[in-house]
Amino acid sequence: MILVTCAHLLEAKSMINKFYLEKKSGLPFSLFGNDEINLLITNQEIKNTLKSLQKYFSYLNQKNFPLKIYNFGICAALDFSLSLEEVVFVETISHCKEIYSSHSHQVKKVNRFREVSCLSVSEPIFDLKTNASLRKKYQVLDMELSAIVKIATLNEIPWASYKMVSDYANSIVSLEDIRKIAQTASDKFSQILQSEVL
């Protein structure tokens, strides 16, 4: 069993449809699954993601813990050499002076995605000076991954994360644009899950 995490249902829609993942009812979190995959909708922000994962893991018996965790989501680029809608593989994730490296040696991975360093933040950063400073160390920003990695590390579960660039860190994107971007991301993530994970 593998666990797939997405912050939003829109990011997960294509995977849910392609792999016939059924909604599990009666749970205090949003979970879809079949015999091989559990897909958890964690919601945006680190604190919400942490709560969703804690509820999910307390729901499972230890013997049913996932063998691997894959995160798929959109991110903001700090690095202007990254293209909009480009998919990247997160090699390292940082948050509050904690740094984690991916288990790329333990997860099936085709080296066709640029490897990036990601910073998990609690809220978007629009300040140009702060972004310029962060750009020296990180290529992308996200709002969930550090919580996922913390839980994976605590339970000694290998993890990997694929992110699609939705915008640049100092830009403001409309809700309608985010919906369109999430649908594009969902289609790409479904292909990755098929070719790289299963």
C-alpha atoms as a PDB file:
ATOM      1  CA  MET A   1       0.000   0.000   0.000  1.00  0.00           C
ATOM      2  CA  ILE A   2       1.235   3.476  -0.852  1.00  0.00           C
ATOM      3  CA  LEU A   3      -0.124   6.741   0.479  1.00  0.00           C
ATOM      4  CA  VAL A   4      -0.600   9.626  -1.944  1.00  0.00           C
ATOM      5  CA  THR A   5      -1.217  13.086  -0.509  1.00  0.00           C
ATOM      6  CA  CYS A   6      -2.636  16.195  -2.179  1.00  0.00           C
ATOM      7  CA  ALA A   7      -3.691  19.442  -0.514  1.00  0.00           C
ATOM      8  CA  HIS A   8      -6.766  19.894  -2.698  1.00  0.00           C
ATOM      9  CA  LEU A   9      -9.316  17.611  -4.305  1.00  0.00           C
ATOM     10  CA  LEU A  10      -8.763  19.356  -7.669  1.00  0.00           C
ATOM     11  CA  GLU A  11      -5.098  18.254  -7.643  1.00  0.00           C
ATOM     12  CA  ALA A  12      -6.202  14.671  -7.018  1.00  0.00           C
ATOM     13  CA  LYS A  13      -9.215  14.404  -9.354  1.00  0.00           C
ATOM     14  CA  SER A  14      -7.470  12.713 -12.307  1.00  0.00           C
ATOM     15  CA  MET A  15      -5.762  10.147 -10.043  1.00  0.00           C
ATOM     16  CA  ILE A  16      -9.063   9.362  -8.318  1.00  0.00           C
ATOM     17  CA  ASN A  17     -10.726   8.744 -11.687  1.00  0.00           C
ATOM     18  CA  LYS A  18      -7.848   6.931 -13.413  1.00  0.00           C
ATOM     19  CA  PHE A  19      -7.159   4.484 -10.581  1.00  0.00           C
ATOM     20  CA  TYR A  20     -10.803   4.016  -9.534  1.00  0.00           C
ATOM     21  CA  LEU A  21     -10.203   5.295  -6.015  1.00  0.00           C
ATOM     22  CA  GLU A  22     -13.383   5.103  -3.979  1.00  0.00           C
ATOM     23  CA  LYS A  23     -14.287   7.632  -1.289  1.00  0.00           C
ATOM     24  CA  LYS A  24     -14.073   6.104   2.177  1.00  0.00           C
ATOM     25  CA  SER A  25     -17.049   7.207   4.249  1.00  0.00           C
ATOM     26  CA  GLY A  26     -17.408   7.783   7.977  1.00  0.00           C
ATOM     27  CA  LEU A  27     -13.874   9.107   8.506  1.00  0.00           C
ATOM     28  CA  PRO A  28     -12.771  12.421  10.060  1.00  0.00           C
ATOM     29  CA  PHE A  29     -10.628  13.129   6.984  1.00  0.00           C
ATOM     30  CA  SER A  30     -11.002  12.931   3.213  1.00  0.00           C
ATOM     31  CA  LEU A  31      -9.677   9.584   1.948  1.00  0.00           C
ATOM     32  CA  PHE A  32     -10.005   7.731  -1.370  1.00  0.00           C
ATOM     33  CA  GLY A  33      -8.552   4.302  -2.051  1.00  0.00           C
ATOM     34  CA  ASN A  34      -8.266   0.901  -3.649  1.00  0.00           C
ATOM     35  CA  ASP A  35      -6.162  -2.181  -2.783  1.00  0.00           C
ATOM     36  CA  GLU A  36      -2.863  -0.495  -3.771  1.00  0.00           C
ATOM     37  CA  ILE A  37      -3.349   3.220  -3.109  1.00  0.00           C
ATOM     38  CA  ASN A  38      -4.743   5.422  -0.375  1.00  0.00           C
ATOM     39  CA  LEU A  39      -5.129   9.066  -1.414  1.00  0.00           C
ATOM     40  CA  LEU A  40      -5.478  11.582   1.418  1.00  0.00           C
ATOM     41  CA  ILE A  41      -6.655  15.164   0.888  1.00  0.00           C
ATOM     42  CA  THR A  42      -4.670  17.058   3.528  1.00  0.00           C
ATOM     43  CA  ASN A  43      -5.935  20.619   2.956  1.00  0.00           C
ATOM     44  CA  GLN A  44      -3.626  23.603   2.553  1.00  0.00           C
ATOM     45  CA  GLU A  45      -1.222  24.869   5.210  1.00  0.00           C
ATOM     46  CA  ILE A  46       1.225  22.983   7.381  1.00  0.00           C
ATOM     47  CA  LYS A  47      -1.008  22.821  10.495  1.00  0.00           C
ATOM     48  CA  ASN A  48      -3.996  21.416   8.550  1.00  0.00           C
ATOM     49  CA  THR A  49      -1.804  18.874   6.769  1.00  0.00           C
ATOM     50  CA  LEU A  50      -0.320  17.738  10.067  1.00  0.00           C
ATOM     51  CA  LYS A  51      -3.795  17.275  11.591  1.00  0.00           C
ATOM     52  CA  SER A  52      -5.041  15.267   8.586  1.00  0.00           C
ATOM     53  CA  LEU A  53      -1.996  12.996   8.659  1.00  0.00           C
ATOM     54  CA  GLN A  54      -2.175  12.455  12.417  1.00  0.00           C
ATOM     55  CA  LYS A  55      -5.836  11.435  12.102  1.00  0.00           C
ATOM     56  CA  TYR A  56      -5.005   9.137   9.167  1.00  0.00           C
ATOM     57  CA  PHE A  57      -2.150   7.385  10.990  1.00  0.00           C
ATOM     58  CA  SER A  58      -4.147   6.972  14.206  1.00  0.00           C
ATOM     59  CA  TYR A  59      -6.919   5.375  12.093  1.00  0.00           C
ATOM     60  CA  LEU A  60      -4.505   2.747  10.717  1.00  0.00           C
ATOM     61  CA  ASN A  61      -3.112  -0.255  12.509  1.00  0.00           C
ATOM     62  CA  GLN A  62       0.697  -0.132  12.611  1.00  0.00           C
ATOM     63  CA  LYS A  63       0.875  -3.198  10.340  1.00  0.00           C
ATOM     64  CA  ASN A  64      -1.146  -1.315   7.713  1.00  0.00           C
ATOM     65  CA  PHE A  65       1.154   1.719   7.566  1.00  0.00           C
ATOM     66  CA  PRO A  66       2.007   2.681   3.978  1.00  0.00           C
ATOM     67  CA  LEU A  67       5.267   1.415   2.517  1.00  0.00           C
ATOM     68  CA  LYS A  68       5.893   4.765   0.813  1.00  0.00           C
ATOM     69  CA  ILE A  69       4.386   8.242   0.783  1.00  0.00           C
ATOM     70  CA  TYR A  70       4.099  10.299  -2.399  1.00  0.00           C
ATOM     71  CA  ASN A  71       3.082  13.946  -2.337  1.00  0.00           C
ATOM     72  CA  PHE A  72       1.716  15.726  -5.409  1.00  0.00           C
ATOM     73  CA  GLY A  73       0.920  19.433  -5.370  1.00  0.00           C
ATOM     74  CA  ILE A  74       1.338  22.849  -6.860  1.00  0.00           C
ATOM     75  CA  CYS A  75       4.058  25.240  -5.717  1.00  0.00           C
ATOM     76  CA  ALA A  76       5.335  28.775  -6.220  1.00  0.00           C
ATOM     77  CA  ALA A  77       8.701  29.172  -7.937  1.00  0.00           C
ATOM     78  CA  LEU A  78      11.423  31.366  -6.504  1.00  0.00           C
ATOM     79  CA  ASP A  79      13.747  30.374  -9.343  1.00  0.00           C
ATOM     80  CA  PHE A  80      12.763  32.223 -12.524  1.00  0.00           C
ATOM     81  CA  SER A  81      14.421  29.561 -14.675  1.00  0.00           C
ATOM     82  CA  LEU A  82      11.535  27.250 -13.746  1.00  0.00           C
ATOM     83  CA  SER A  83       8.651  27.388 -16.220  1.00  0.00           C
ATOM     84  CA  LEU A  84       4.998  27.680 -15.308  1.00  0.00           C
ATOM     85  CA  GLU A  85       3.411  24.180 -15.321  1.00  0.00           C
ATOM     86  CA  GLU A  86       6.867  22.549 -15.079  1.00  0.00           C
ATOM     87  CA  VAL A  87       6.920  19.500 -12.802  1.00  0.00           C
ATOM     88  CA  VAL A  88       9.861  19.231 -10.409  1.00  0.00           C
ATOM     89  CA  PHE A  89      11.084  16.568  -7.985  1.00  0.00           C
ATOM     90  CA  VAL A  90      11.734  17.833  -4.440  1.00  0.00           C
ATOM     91  CA  GLU A  91      15.182  16.664  -3.349  1.00  0.00           C
ATOM     92  CA  THR A  92      15.268  18.601  -0.046  1.00  0.00           C
ATOM     93  CA  ILE A  93      12.594  20.293   2.055  1.00  0.00           C
ATOM     94  CA  SER A  94      13.209  22.881   4.774  1.00  0.00           C
ATOM     95  CA  HIS A  95      11.035  24.417   7.465  1.00  0.00           C
ATOM     96  CA  CYS A  96      12.026  26.242  10.675  1.00  0.00           C
ATOM     97  CA  LYS A  97      15.699  25.192  10.441  1.00  0.00           C
ATOM     98  CA  GLU A  98      14.759  21.540   9.862  1.00  0.00           C
ATOM     99  CA  ILE A  99      16.049  20.062   6.605  1.00  0.00           C
ATOM    100  CA  TYR A 100      14.963  16.706   5.163  1.00  0.00           C
ATOM    101  CA  SER A 101      16.224  14.921   2.061  1.00  0.00           C
ATOM    102  CA  SER A 102      14.049  12.751  -0.149  1.00  0.00           C
ATOM    103  CA  HIS A 103      14.415   8.995  -0.204  1.00  0.00           C
ATOM    104  CA  SER A 104      14.978   9.008  -3.947  1.00  0.00           C
ATOM    105  CA  HIS A 105      17.150   5.885  -3.574  1.00  0.00           C
ATOM    106  CA  GLN A 106      14.188   4.058  -1.998  1.00  0.00           C
ATOM    107  CA  VAL A 107      11.434   5.217  -4.321  1.00  0.00           C
ATOM    108  CA  LYS A 108      10.963   4.377  -7.952  1.00  0.00           C
ATOM    109  CA  LYS A 109      11.951   7.513  -9.855  1.00  0.00           C
ATOM    110  CA  VAL A 110      12.791   8.333 -13.446  1.00  0.00           C
ATOM    111  CA  ASN A 111      15.310  11.167 -13.668  1.00  0.00           C
ATOM    112  CA  ARG A 112      13.350  13.334 -16.071  1.00  0.00           C
ATOM    113  CA  PHE A 113      12.360  16.050 -13.602  1.00  0.00           C
ATOM    114  CA  ARG A 114      14.545  18.837 -12.332  1.00  0.00           C
ATOM    115  CA  GLU A 115      15.485  18.299  -8.678  1.00  0.00           C
ATOM    116  CA  VAL A 116      14.802  21.275  -6.425  1.00  0.00           C
ATOM    117  CA  SER A 117      15.140  22.478  -2.873  1.00  0.00           C
ATOM    118  CA  CYS A 118      11.788  23.491  -1.350  1.00  0.00           C
ATOM    119  CA  LEU A 119      10.908  25.735   1.587  1.00  0.00           C
ATOM    120  CA  SER A 120       7.608  25.055   3.371  1.00  0.00           C
ATOM    121  CA  VAL A 121       5.990  28.277   4.537  1.00  0.00           C
ATOM    122  CA  SER A 122       2.908  29.044   6.618  1.00  0.00           C
ATOM    123  CA  GLU A 123       1.672  31.768   4.276  1.00  0.00           C
ATOM    124  CA  PRO A 124       2.579  33.166   0.856  1.00  0.00           C
ATOM    125  CA  ILE A 125       5.577  35.519   0.730  1.00  0.00           C
ATOM    126  CA  PHE A 126       5.056  38.573  -1.463  1.00  0.00           C
ATOM    127  CA  ASP A 127       7.986  40.700  -0.261  1.00  0.00           C
ATOM    128  CA  LEU A 128      10.502  41.035  -3.108  1.00  0.00           C
ATOM    129  CA  LYS A 129      13.494  41.478  -0.799  1.00  0.00           C
ATOM    130  CA  THR A 130      12.623  38.340   1.202  1.00  0.00           C
ATOM    131  CA  ASN A 131      12.088  36.375  -2.020  1.00  0.00           C
ATOM    132  CA  ALA A 132      15.468  37.531  -3.379  1.00  0.00           C
ATOM    133  CA  SER A 133      17.135  36.335  -0.186  1.00  0.00           C
ATOM    134  CA  LEU A 134      15.334  32.958  -0.216  1.00  0.00           C
ATOM    135  CA  ARG A 135      16.175  32.442  -3.903  1.00  0.00           C
ATOM    136  CA  LYS A 136      19.824  31.882  -2.934  1.00  0.00           C
ATOM    137  CA  LYS A 137      18.893  28.631  -1.134  1.00  0.00           C
ATOM    138  CA  TYR A 138      15.556  27.444  -2.505  1.00  0.00           C
ATOM    139  CA  GLN A 139      13.915  27.037  -5.902  1.00  0.00           C
ATOM    140  CA  VAL A 140      10.277  26.590  -4.801  1.00  0.00           C
ATOM    141  CA  LEU A 141       7.861  27.341  -1.937  1.00  0.00           C
ATOM    142  CA  ASP A 142       4.990  25.187  -0.747  1.00  0.00           C
ATOM    143  CA  MET A 143       2.605  25.149   2.210  1.00  0.00           C
ATOM    144  CA  GLU A 144       2.266  21.449   3.158  1.00  0.00           C
ATOM    145  CA  LEU A 145       5.293  19.283   2.447  1.00  0.00           C
ATOM    146  CA  SER A 146       7.222  19.763   5.691  1.00  0.00           C
ATOM    147  CA  ALA A 147       4.304  18.277   7.675  1.00  0.00           C
ATOM    148  CA  ILE A 148       4.154  15.259   5.360  1.00  0.00           C
ATOM    149  CA  VAL A 149       7.893  14.689   5.617  1.00  0.00           C
ATOM    150  CA  LYS A 150       7.871  15.085   9.395  1.00  0.00           C
ATOM    151  CA  ILE A 151       5.233  12.337   9.769  1.00  0.00           C
ATOM    152  CA  ALA A 152       7.000  10.114   7.199  1.00  0.00           C
ATOM    153  CA  THR A 153      10.331  10.492   9.017  1.00  0.00           C
ATOM    154  CA  LEU A 154       8.760   9.852  12.417  1.00  0.00           C
ATOM    155  CA  ASN A 155       7.304   6.581  11.086  1.00  0.00           C
ATOM    156  CA  GLU A 156      10.428   5.667   9.043  1.00  0.00           C
ATOM    157  CA  ILE A 157       8.509   5.705   5.752  1.00  0.00           C
ATOM    158  CA  PRO A 158      10.311   6.702   2.532  1.00  0.00           C
ATOM    159  CA  TRP A 159       8.786   9.741   0.825  1.00  0.00           C
ATOM    160  CA  ALA A 160       8.933  11.546  -2.489  1.00  0.00           C
ATOM    161  CA  SER A 161       7.303  14.730  -3.723  1.00  0.00           C
ATOM    162  CA  TYR A 162       6.453  16.024  -7.186  1.00  0.00           C
ATOM    163  CA  LYS A 163       5.375  19.648  -7.520  1.00  0.00           C
ATOM    164  CA  MET A 164       4.028  21.593 -10.484  1.00  0.00           C
ATOM    165  CA  VAL A 165       4.924  25.274 -10.693  1.00  0.00           C
ATOM    166  CA  SER A 166       1.667  27.234 -10.543  1.00  0.00           C
ATOM    167  CA  ASP A 167       3.071  30.755 -10.236  1.00  0.00           C
ATOM    168  CA  TYR A 168       6.072  32.793  -9.112  1.00  0.00           C
ATOM    169  CA  ALA A 169       6.470  33.604  -5.433  1.00  0.00           C
ATOM    170  CA  ASN A 170       5.778  37.321  -5.688  1.00  0.00           C
ATOM    171  CA  SER A 171       2.711  37.027  -7.937  1.00  0.00           C
ATOM    172  CA  ILE A 172      -0.981  37.060  -7.044  1.00  0.00           C
ATOM    173  CA  VAL A 173      -3.094  34.407  -8.761  1.00  0.00           C
ATOM    174  CA  SER A 174      -6.889  34.437  -8.941  1.00  0.00           C
ATOM    175  CA  LEU A 175      -8.975  31.591  -7.555  1.00  0.00           C
ATOM    176  CA  GLU A 176     -10.216  30.813 -11.077  1.00  0.00           C
ATOM    177  CA  ASP A 177      -6.621  30.546 -12.353  1.00  0.00           C
ATOM    178  CA  ILE A 178      -5.708  28.272  -9.428  1.00  0.00           C
ATOM    179  CA  ARG A 179      -8.614  25.968 -10.364  1.00  0.00           C
ATOM    180  CA  LYS A 180      -7.374  25.726 -13.971  1.00  0.00           C
ATOM    181  CA  ILE A 181      -3.787  25.167 -12.830  1.00  0.00           C
ATOM    182  CA  ALA A 182      -4.891  22.464 -10.379  1.00  0.00           C
ATOM    183  CA  GLN A 183      -6.712  20.581 -13.160  1.00  0.00           C
ATOM    184  CA  THR A 184      -3.599  20.680 -15.374  1.00  0.00           C
ATOM    185  CA  ALA A 185      -1.516  19.526 -12.414  1.00  0.00           C
ATOM    186  CA  SER A 186      -3.962  16.707 -11.685  1.00  0.00           C
ATOM    187  CA  ASP A 187      -3.590  15.324 -15.217  1.00  0.00           C
ATOM    188  CA  LYS A 188       0.212  15.458 -14.994  1.00  0.00           C
ATOM    189  CA  PHE A 189       0.260  13.854 -11.534  1.00  0.00           C
ATOM    190  CA  SER A 190      -1.921  11.000 -12.760  1.00  0.00           C
ATOM    191  CA  GLN A 191       0.626  10.244 -15.503  1.00  0.00           C
ATOM    192  CA  ILE A 192       3.503  10.364 -12.998  1.00  0.00           C
ATOM    193  CA  LEU A 193       1.713   8.058 -10.593  1.00  0.00           C
ATOM    194  CA  GLN A 194       1.181   5.565 -13.439  1.00  0.00           C
ATOM    195  CA  SER A 195       4.714   5.688 -14.858  1.00  0.00           C
ATOM    196  CA  GLU A 196       6.933   6.336 -11.843  1.00  0.00           C
ATOM    197  CA  VAL A 197       5.190   4.949  -8.827  1.00  0.00           C
ATOM    198  CA  LEU A 198       3.128   1.895  -9.788  1.00  0.00           C
END
